[in-house]
Amino acid sequence: MINQEIMPDHVHIFVTAHPIFAPANIAKIFKGITAKKLFEKHPELRNQLWNGHLWNPSYYVGTCGDTTKDVIERYVEMQKVK
């Protein structure tokens, strides 16, 4: 993970990965591990969430394309300012 910003209702994560790893699998692994760890520490949260699920099944994935790493990192960091 290169950069991340946690918002009240979503998370921005900037990662680099080898092309053999599909973005959908990266999102699935991230969501699975974070939910497992949180529920292990705070099992009471499972009953307070949407049918016991921490994450919404949807996600957005974008690629750098013509944008530089610095621009993306700055975007992620600026989200907490808004």
PDB file of N, CA and C in Angstrom:
ATOM      1  N   MET A   1       0.850  -1.165   0.000  1.00  0.00           N
ATOM      2  CA  MET A   1       0.000   0.000   0.000  1.00  0.00           C
ATOM      3  C   MET A   1       0.899   1.231   0.000  1.00  0.00           C
ATOM      4  N   ILE A   2       0.595   2.165  -0.857  1.00  0.00           N
ATOM      5  CA  ILE A   2       1.378   3.385  -0.952  1.00  0.00           C
ATOM      6  C   ILE A   2       0.774   4.480  -0.088  1.00  0.00           C
ATOM      7  N   ASN A   3      -0.555   4.618  -0.148  1.00  0.00           N
ATOM      8  CA  ASN A   3      -1.209   5.686   0.584  1.00  0.00           C
ATOM      9  C   ASN A   3      -2.646   5.283   0.872  1.00  0.00           C
ATOM     10  N   GLN A   4      -3.209   5.852   1.932  1.00  0.00           N
ATOM     11  CA  GLN A   4      -4.600   5.571   2.269  1.00  0.00           C
ATOM     12  C   GLN A   4      -5.179   6.732   3.048  1.00  0.00           C
ATOM     13  N   GLU A   5      -6.484   6.877   2.939  1.00  0.00           N
ATOM     14  CA  GLU A   5      -7.191   7.891   3.712  1.00  0.00           C
ATOM     15  C   GLU A   5      -8.551   7.315   4.083  1.00  0.00           C
ATOM     16  N   ILE A   6      -8.874   7.362   5.354  1.00  0.00           N
ATOM     17  CA  ILE A   6     -10.135   6.807   5.843  1.00  0.00           C
ATOM     18  C   ILE A   6     -11.130   7.943   6.001  1.00  0.00           C
ATOM     19  N   MET A   7     -12.245   7.811   5.322  1.00  0.00           N
ATOM     20  CA  MET A   7     -13.310   8.802   5.351  1.00  0.00           C
ATOM     21  C   MET A   7     -14.463   8.249   6.195  1.00  0.00           C
ATOM     22  N   PRO A   8     -15.451   9.082   6.533  1.00  0.00           N
ATOM     23  CA  PRO A   8     -16.559   8.585   7.358  1.00  0.00           C
ATOM     24  C   PRO A   8     -17.327   7.417   6.737  1.00  0.00           C
ATOM     25  N   ASP A   9     -17.452   7.400   5.402  1.00  0.00           N
ATOM     26  CA  ASP A   9     -18.253   6.343   4.787  1.00  0.00           C
ATOM     27  C   ASP A   9     -17.549   5.584   3.666  1.00  0.00           C
ATOM     28  N   HIS A  10     -16.249   5.795   3.508  1.00  0.00           N
ATOM     29  CA  HIS A  10     -15.489   5.046   2.503  1.00  0.00           C
ATOM     30  C   HIS A  10     -13.996   5.199   2.770  1.00  0.00           C
ATOM     31  N   VAL A  11     -13.213   4.467   2.008  1.00  0.00           N
ATOM     32  CA  VAL A  11     -11.763   4.471   2.179  1.00  0.00           C
ATOM     33  C   VAL A  11     -11.110   4.686   0.817  1.00  0.00           C
ATOM     34  N   HIS A  12     -10.096   5.528   0.771  1.00  0.00           N
ATOM     35  CA  HIS A  12      -9.267   5.682  -0.425  1.00  0.00           C
ATOM     36  C   HIS A  12      -7.973   4.916  -0.168  1.00  0.00           C
ATOM     37  N   ILE A  13      -7.628   4.025  -1.084  1.00  0.00           N
ATOM     38  CA  ILE A  13      -6.393   3.260  -0.953  1.00  0.00           C
ATOM     39  C   ILE A  13      -5.656   3.323  -2.287  1.00  0.00           C
ATOM     40  N   PHE A  14      -4.387   3.663  -2.216  1.00  0.00           N
ATOM     41  CA  PHE A  14      -3.543   3.706  -3.410  1.00  0.00           C
ATOM     42  C   PHE A  14      -2.518   2.600  -3.263  1.00  0.00           C
ATOM     43  N   VAL A  15      -2.601   1.605  -4.129  1.00  0.00           N
ATOM     44  CA  VAL A  15      -1.695   0.460  -4.057  1.00  0.00           C
ATOM     45  C   VAL A  15      -1.015   0.251  -5.406  1.00  0.00           C
ATOM     46  N   THR A  16       0.116  -0.401  -5.345  1.00  0.00           N
ATOM     47  CA  THR A  16       0.737  -0.896  -6.565  1.00  0.00           C
ATOM     48  C   THR A  16       0.711  -2.413  -6.471  1.00  0.00           C
ATOM     49  N   ALA A  17       0.521  -3.044  -7.596  1.00  0.00           N
ATOM     50  CA  ALA A  17       0.460  -4.502  -7.608  1.00  0.00           C
ATOM     51  C   ALA A  17       0.977  -5.010  -8.946  1.00  0.00           C
ATOM     52  N   HIS A  18       1.507  -6.192  -8.912  1.00  0.00           N
ATOM     53  CA  HIS A  18       1.950  -6.853 -10.138  1.00  0.00           C
ATOM     54  C   HIS A  18       0.718  -7.117 -11.006  1.00  0.00           C
ATOM     55  N   PRO A  19       0.848  -7.019 -12.309  1.00  0.00           N
ATOM     56  CA  PRO A  19      -0.301  -7.221 -13.198  1.00  0.00           C
ATOM     57  C   PRO A  19      -0.989  -8.584 -13.073  1.00  0.00           C
ATOM     58  N   ILE A  20      -0.330  -9.568 -12.473  1.00  0.00           N
ATOM     59  CA  ILE A  20      -0.992 -10.870 -12.336  1.00  0.00           C
ATOM     60  C   ILE A  20      -2.106 -10.827 -11.293  1.00  0.00           C
ATOM     61  N   PHE A  21      -2.122  -9.790 -10.455  1.00  0.00           N
ATOM     62  CA  PHE A  21      -3.152  -9.678  -9.423  1.00  0.00           C
ATOM     63  C   PHE A  21      -4.290  -8.799  -9.924  1.00  0.00           C
ATOM     64  N   ALA A  22      -5.461  -9.381 -10.058  1.00  0.00           N
ATOM     65  CA  ALA A  22      -6.627  -8.640 -10.534  1.00  0.00           C
ATOM     66  C   ALA A  22      -7.085  -7.638  -9.473  1.00  0.00           C
ATOM     67  N   PRO A  23      -7.440  -6.426  -9.881  1.00  0.00           N
ATOM     68  CA  PRO A  23      -7.928  -5.440  -8.914  1.00  0.00           C
ATOM     69  C   PRO A  23      -9.102  -5.946  -8.077  1.00  0.00           C
ATOM     70  N   ALA A  24      -9.988  -6.724  -8.684  1.00  0.00           N
ATOM     71  CA  ALA A  24     -11.128  -7.266  -7.932  1.00  0.00           C
ATOM     72  C   ALA A  24     -10.656  -8.168  -6.798  1.00  0.00           C
ATOM     73  N   ASN A  25      -9.628  -8.957  -7.047  1.00  0.00           N
ATOM     74  CA  ASN A  25      -9.101  -9.833  -5.996  1.00  0.00           C
ATOM     75  C   ASN A  25      -8.412  -9.036  -4.899  1.00  0.00           C
ATOM     76  N   ILE A  26      -7.716  -7.975  -5.266  1.00  0.00           N
ATOM     77  CA  ILE A  26      -7.073  -7.127  -4.262  1.00  0.00           C
ATOM     78  C   ILE A  26      -8.132  -6.506  -3.357  1.00  0.00           C
ATOM     79  N   ALA A  27      -9.209  -5.983  -3.948  1.00  0.00           N
ATOM     80  CA  ALA A  27     -10.293  -5.390  -3.155  1.00  0.00           C
ATOM     81  C   ALA A  27     -10.928  -6.439  -2.243  1.00  0.00           C
ATOM     82  N   LYS A  28     -11.163  -7.630  -2.770  1.00  0.00           N
ATOM     83  CA  LYS A  28     -11.773  -8.708  -1.985  1.00  0.00           C
ATOM     84  C   LYS A  28     -10.880  -9.094  -0.803  1.00  0.00           C
ATOM     85  N   ILE A  29      -9.595  -9.227  -1.042  1.00  0.00           N
ATOM     86  CA  ILE A  29      -8.659  -9.592   0.030  1.00  0.00           C
ATOM     87  C   ILE A  29      -8.604  -8.492   1.087  1.00  0.00           C
ATOM     88  N   PHE A  30      -8.498  -7.235   0.651  1.00  0.00           N
ATOM     89  CA  PHE A  30      -8.458  -6.122   1.597  1.00  0.00           C
ATOM     90  C   PHE A  30      -9.713  -6.099   2.467  1.00  0.00           C
ATOM     91  N   LYS A  31     -10.870  -6.204   1.838  1.00  0.00           N
ATOM     92  CA  LYS A  31     -12.126  -6.169   2.591  1.00  0.00           C
ATOM     93  C   LYS A  31     -12.229  -7.355   3.542  1.00  0.00           C
ATOM     94  N   GLY A  32     -11.840  -8.533   3.076  1.00  0.00           N
ATOM     95  CA  GLY A  32     -11.931  -9.729   3.913  1.00  0.00           C
ATOM     96  C   GLY A  32     -11.027  -9.669   5.131  1.00  0.00           C
ATOM     97  N   ILE A  33      -9.782  -9.281   4.930  1.00  0.00           N
ATOM     98  CA  ILE A  33      -8.831  -9.230   6.048  1.00  0.00           C
ATOM     99  C   ILE A  33      -9.217  -8.155   7.054  1.00  0.00           C
ATOM    100  N   THR A  34      -9.587  -6.969   6.565  1.00  0.00           N
ATOM    101  CA  THR A  34      -9.931  -5.901   7.504  1.00  0.00           C
ATOM    102  C   THR A  34     -11.189  -6.231   8.297  1.00  0.00           C
ATOM    103  N   ALA A  35     -12.184  -6.829   7.654  1.00  0.00           N
ATOM    104  CA  ALA A  35     -13.399  -7.210   8.375  1.00  0.00           C
ATOM    105  C   ALA A  35     -13.091  -8.282   9.414  1.00  0.00           C
ATOM    106  N   LYS A  36     -12.310  -9.276   9.037  1.00  0.00           N
ATOM    107  CA  LYS A  36     -11.963 -10.353   9.972  1.00  0.00           C
ATOM    108  C   LYS A  36     -11.247  -9.796  11.199  1.00  0.00           C
ATOM    109  N   LYS A  37     -10.254  -8.933  10.971  1.00  0.00           N
ATOM    110  CA  LYS A  37      -9.489  -8.359  12.091  1.00  0.00           C
ATOM    111  C   LYS A  37     -10.373  -7.489  12.986  1.00  0.00           C
ATOM    112  N   LEU A  38     -11.220  -6.664  12.385  1.00  0.00           N
ATOM    113  CA  LEU A  38     -12.085  -5.796  13.178  1.00  0.00           C
ATOM    114  C   LEU A  38     -13.079  -6.604  14.000  1.00  0.00           C
ATOM    115  N   PHE A  39     -13.695  -7.617  13.398  1.00  0.00           N
ATOM    116  CA  PHE A  39     -14.671  -8.432  14.123  1.00  0.00           C
ATOM    117  C   PHE A  39     -14.013  -9.297  15.192  1.00  0.00           C
ATOM    118  N   GLU A  40     -12.759  -9.673  15.001  1.00  0.00           N
ATOM    119  CA  GLU A  40     -12.048 -10.404  16.054  1.00  0.00           C
ATOM    120  C   GLU A  40     -11.836  -9.510  17.275  1.00  0.00           C
ATOM    121  N   LYS A  41     -11.500  -8.251  17.040  1.00  0.00           N
ATOM    122  CA  LYS A  41     -11.269  -7.311  18.143  1.00  0.00           C
ATOM    123  C   LYS A  41     -12.565  -6.786  18.742  1.00  0.00           C
ATOM    124  N   HIS A  42     -13.590  -6.628  17.912  1.00  0.00           N
ATOM    125  CA  HIS A  42     -14.860  -6.043  18.349  1.00  0.00           C
ATOM    126  C   HIS A  42     -16.033  -6.872  17.812  1.00  0.00           C
ATOM    127  N   PRO A  43     -16.264  -8.057  18.344  1.00  0.00           N
ATOM    128  CA  PRO A  43     -17.329  -8.915  17.820  1.00  0.00           C
ATOM    129  C   PRO A  43     -18.725  -8.297  17.940  1.00  0.00           C
ATOM    130  N   GLU A  44     -18.889  -7.383  18.878  1.00  0.00           N
ATOM    131  CA  GLU A  44     -20.199  -6.749  19.058  1.00  0.00           C
ATOM    132  C   GLU A  44     -20.603  -5.906  17.846  1.00  0.00           C
ATOM    133  N   LEU A  45     -19.642  -5.483  17.056  1.00  0.00           N
ATOM    134  CA  LEU A  45     -19.954  -4.671  15.876  1.00  0.00           C
ATOM    135  C   LEU A  45     -20.717  -5.447  14.815  1.00  0.00           C
ATOM    136  N   ARG A  46     -20.497  -6.735  14.760  1.00  0.00           N
ATOM    137  CA  ARG A  46     -21.162  -7.552  13.734  1.00  0.00           C
ATOM    138  C   ARG A  46     -22.679  -7.394  13.809  1.00  0.00           C
ATOM    139  N   ASN A  47     -23.222  -7.304  15.018  1.00  0.00           N
ATOM    140  CA  ASN A  47     -24.673  -7.173  15.188  1.00  0.00           C
ATOM    141  C   ASN A  47     -25.175  -5.769  14.858  1.00  0.00           C
ATOM    142  N   GLN A  48     -24.289  -4.793  14.847  1.00  0.00           N
ATOM    143  CA  GLN A  48     -24.693  -3.408  14.601  1.00  0.00           C
ATOM    144  C   GLN A  48     -24.586  -3.017  13.133  1.00  0.00           C
ATOM    145  N   LEU A  49     -24.019  -3.878  12.329  1.00  0.00           N
ATOM    146  CA  LEU A  49     -23.786  -3.548  10.926  1.00  0.00           C
ATOM    147  C   LEU A  49     -24.802  -4.213  10.017  1.00  0.00           C
ATOM    148  N   TRP A  50     -24.715  -3.913   8.746  1.00  0.00           N
ATOM    149  CA  TRP A  50     -25.636  -4.380   7.728  1.00  0.00           C
ATOM    150  C   TRP A  50     -25.572  -5.895   7.572  1.00  0.00           C
ATOM    151  N   ASN A  51     -26.487  -6.581   8.224  1.00  0.00           N
ATOM    152  CA  ASN A  51     -26.534  -8.047   8.170  1.00  0.00           C
ATOM    153  C   ASN A  51     -25.193  -8.675   8.528  1.00  0.00           C
ATOM    154  N   GLY A  52     -24.459  -8.038   9.426  1.00  0.00           N
ATOM    155  CA  GLY A  52     -23.176  -8.574   9.859  1.00  0.00           C
ATOM    156  C   GLY A  52     -22.023  -8.326   8.909  1.00  0.00           C
ATOM    157  N   HIS A  53     -22.224  -7.493   7.899  1.00  0.00           N
ATOM    158  CA  HIS A  53     -21.174  -7.212   6.913  1.00  0.00           C
ATOM    159  C   HIS A  53     -20.564  -5.837   7.171  1.00  0.00           C
ATOM    160  N   LEU A  54     -19.251  -5.777   7.189  1.00  0.00           N
ATOM    161  CA  LEU A  54     -18.560  -4.506   7.370  1.00  0.00           C
ATOM    162  C   LEU A  54     -18.566  -3.683   6.090  1.00  0.00           C
ATOM    163  N   TRP A  55     -18.337  -4.343   4.964  1.00  0.00           N
ATOM    164  CA  TRP A  55     -18.155  -3.637   3.704  1.00  0.00           C
ATOM    165  C   TRP A  55     -19.341  -3.803   2.770  1.00  0.00           C
ATOM    166  N   ASN A  56     -19.641  -2.759   2.029  1.00  0.00           N
ATOM    167  CA  ASN A  56     -20.565  -2.831   0.918  1.00  0.00           C
ATOM    168  C   ASN A  56     -19.873  -3.659  -0.166  1.00  0.00           C
ATOM    169  N   PRO A  57     -20.599  -4.457  -0.930  1.00  0.00           N
ATOM    170  CA  PRO A  57     -19.927  -5.284  -1.941  1.00  0.00           C
ATOM    171  C   PRO A  57     -19.320  -4.480  -3.098  1.00  0.00           C
ATOM    172  N   SER A  58     -19.693  -3.233  -3.255  1.00  0.00           N
ATOM    173  CA  SER A  58     -19.167  -2.463  -4.386  1.00  0.00           C
ATOM    174  C   SER A  58     -17.821  -1.821  -4.057  1.00  0.00           C
ATOM    175  N   TYR A  59     -17.125  -1.413  -5.103  1.00  0.00           N
ATOM    176  CA  TYR A  59     -15.846  -0.721  -4.962  1.00  0.00           C
ATOM    177  C   TYR A  59     -15.535  -0.043  -6.289  1.00  0.00           C
ATOM    178  N   TYR A  60     -14.617   0.892  -6.259  1.00  0.00           N
ATOM    179  CA  TYR A  60     -14.159   1.558  -7.475  1.00  0.00           C
ATOM    180  C   TYR A  60     -12.669   1.288  -7.626  1.00  0.00           C
ATOM    181  N   VAL A  61     -12.257   0.986  -8.833  1.00  0.00           N
ATOM    182  CA  VAL A  61     -10.841   0.787  -9.135  1.00  0.00           C
ATOM    183  C   VAL A  61     -10.491   1.685 -10.311  1.00  0.00           C
ATOM    184  N   GLY A  62      -9.400   2.405 -10.174  1.00  0.00           N
ATOM    185  CA  GLY A  62      -8.894   3.228 -11.266  1.00  0.00           C
ATOM    186  C   GLY A  62      -7.419   2.936 -11.457  1.00  0.00           C
ATOM    187  N   THR A  63      -6.918   3.210 -12.631  1.00  0.00           N
ATOM    188  CA  THR A  63      -5.494   3.010 -12.889  1.00  0.00           C
ATOM    189  C   THR A  63      -4.814   4.361 -13.068  1.00  0.00           C
ATOM    190  N   CYS A  64      -3.517   4.365 -12.925  1.00  0.00           N
ATOM    191  CA  CYS A  64      -2.753   5.614 -13.039  1.00  0.00           C
ATOM    192  C   CYS A  64      -2.817   6.194 -14.442  1.00  0.00           C
ATOM    193  N   GLY A  65      -2.706   5.364 -15.444  1.00  0.00           N
ATOM    194  CA  GLY A  65      -2.748   5.858 -16.816  1.00  0.00           C
ATOM    195  C   GLY A  65      -1.744   6.969 -17.046  1.00  0.00           C
ATOM    196  N   ASP A  66      -2.238   8.142 -17.441  1.00  0.00           N
ATOM    197  CA  ASP A  66      -1.376   9.292 -17.714  1.00  0.00           C
ATOM    198  C   ASP A  66      -1.079  10.115 -16.463  1.00  0.00           C
ATOM    199  N   THR A  67      -1.656   9.737 -15.336  1.00  0.00           N
ATOM    200  CA  THR A  67      -1.469  10.481 -14.093  1.00  0.00           C
ATOM    201  C   THR A  67      -0.250   9.952 -13.349  1.00  0.00           C
ATOM    202  N   THR A  68       0.466  10.835 -12.703  1.00  0.00           N
ATOM    203  CA  THR A  68       1.648  10.403 -11.959  1.00  0.00           C
ATOM    204  C   THR A  68       1.272   9.916 -10.567  1.00  0.00           C
ATOM    205  N   LYS A  69       2.162   9.152 -10.000  1.00  0.00           N
ATOM    206  CA  LYS A  69       2.005   8.653  -8.634  1.00  0.00           C
ATOM    207  C   LYS A  69       1.825   9.813  -7.659  1.00  0.00           C
ATOM    208  N   ASP A  70       2.574  10.880  -7.838  1.00  0.00           N
ATOM    209  CA  ASP A  70       2.487  12.038  -6.944  1.00  0.00           C
ATOM    210  C   ASP A  70       1.109  12.688  -6.976  1.00  0.00           C
ATOM    211  N   VAL A  71       0.513  12.783  -8.146  1.00  0.00           N
ATOM    212  CA  VAL A  71      -0.817  13.381  -8.270  1.00  0.00           C
ATOM    213  C   VAL A  71      -1.847  12.535  -7.527  1.00  0.00           C
ATOM    214  N   ILE A  72      -1.758  11.235  -7.667  1.00  0.00           N
ATOM    215  CA  ILE A  72      -2.702  10.352  -6.979  1.00  0.00           C
ATOM    216  C   ILE A  72      -2.507  10.428  -5.470  1.00  0.00           C
ATOM    217  N   GLU A  73      -1.272  10.409  -5.013  1.00  0.00           N
ATOM    218  CA  GLU A  73      -1.017  10.511  -3.575  1.00  0.00           C
ATOM    219  C   GLU A  73      -1.563  11.827  -3.019  1.00  0.00           C
ATOM    220  N   ARG A  74      -1.373  12.903  -3.731  1.00  0.00           N
ATOM    221  CA  ARG A  74      -1.883  14.204  -3.289  1.00  0.00           C
ATOM    222  C   ARG A  74      -3.411  14.193  -3.235  1.00  0.00           C
ATOM    223  N   TYR A  75      -4.055  13.576  -4.237  1.00  0.00           N
ATOM    224  CA  TYR A  75      -5.514  13.471  -4.243  1.00  0.00           C
ATOM    225  C   TYR A  75      -6.000  12.724  -3.005  1.00  0.00           C
ATOM    226  N   VAL A  76      -5.387  11.592  -2.713  1.00  0.00           N
ATOM    227  CA  VAL A  76      -5.794  10.799  -1.550  1.00  0.00           C
ATOM    228  C   VAL A  76      -5.611  11.609  -0.273  1.00  0.00           C
ATOM    229  N   GLU A  77      -4.483  12.269  -0.134  1.00  0.00           N
ATOM    230  CA  GLU A  77      -4.221  13.064   1.069  1.00  0.00           C
ATOM    231  C   GLU A  77      -5.184  14.238   1.204  1.00  0.00           C
ATOM    232  N   MET A  78      -5.577  14.842   0.103  1.00  0.00           N
ATOM    233  CA  MET A  78      -6.465  16.003   0.149  1.00  0.00           C
ATOM    234  C   MET A  78      -7.904  15.639   0.496  1.00  0.00           C
ATOM    235  N   GLN A  79      -8.259  14.373   0.424  1.00  0.00           N
ATOM    236  CA  GLN A  79      -9.628  13.978   0.730  1.00  0.00           C
ATOM    237  C   GLN A  79      -9.995  14.276   2.176  1.00  0.00           C
ATOM    238  N   LYS A  80      -9.037  14.215   3.077  1.00  0.00           N
ATOM    239  CA  LYS A  80      -9.336  14.493   4.482  1.00  0.00           C
ATOM    240  C   LYS A  80      -9.581  15.978   4.728  1.00  0.00           C
ATOM    241  N   VAL A  81      -9.140  16.827   3.806  1.00  0.00           N
ATOM    242  CA  VAL A  81      -9.317  18.269   3.947  1.00  0.00           C
ATOM    243  C   VAL A  81     -10.729  18.687   3.569  1.00  0.00           C
ATOM    244  N   LYS A  82     -11.338  17.967   2.651  1.00  0.00           N
ATOM    245  CA  LYS A  82     -12.682  18.327   2.155  1.00  0.00           C
ATOM    246  C   LYS A  82     -13.735  18.168   3.218  1.00  0.00           C
TER     247      LYS A  82
END
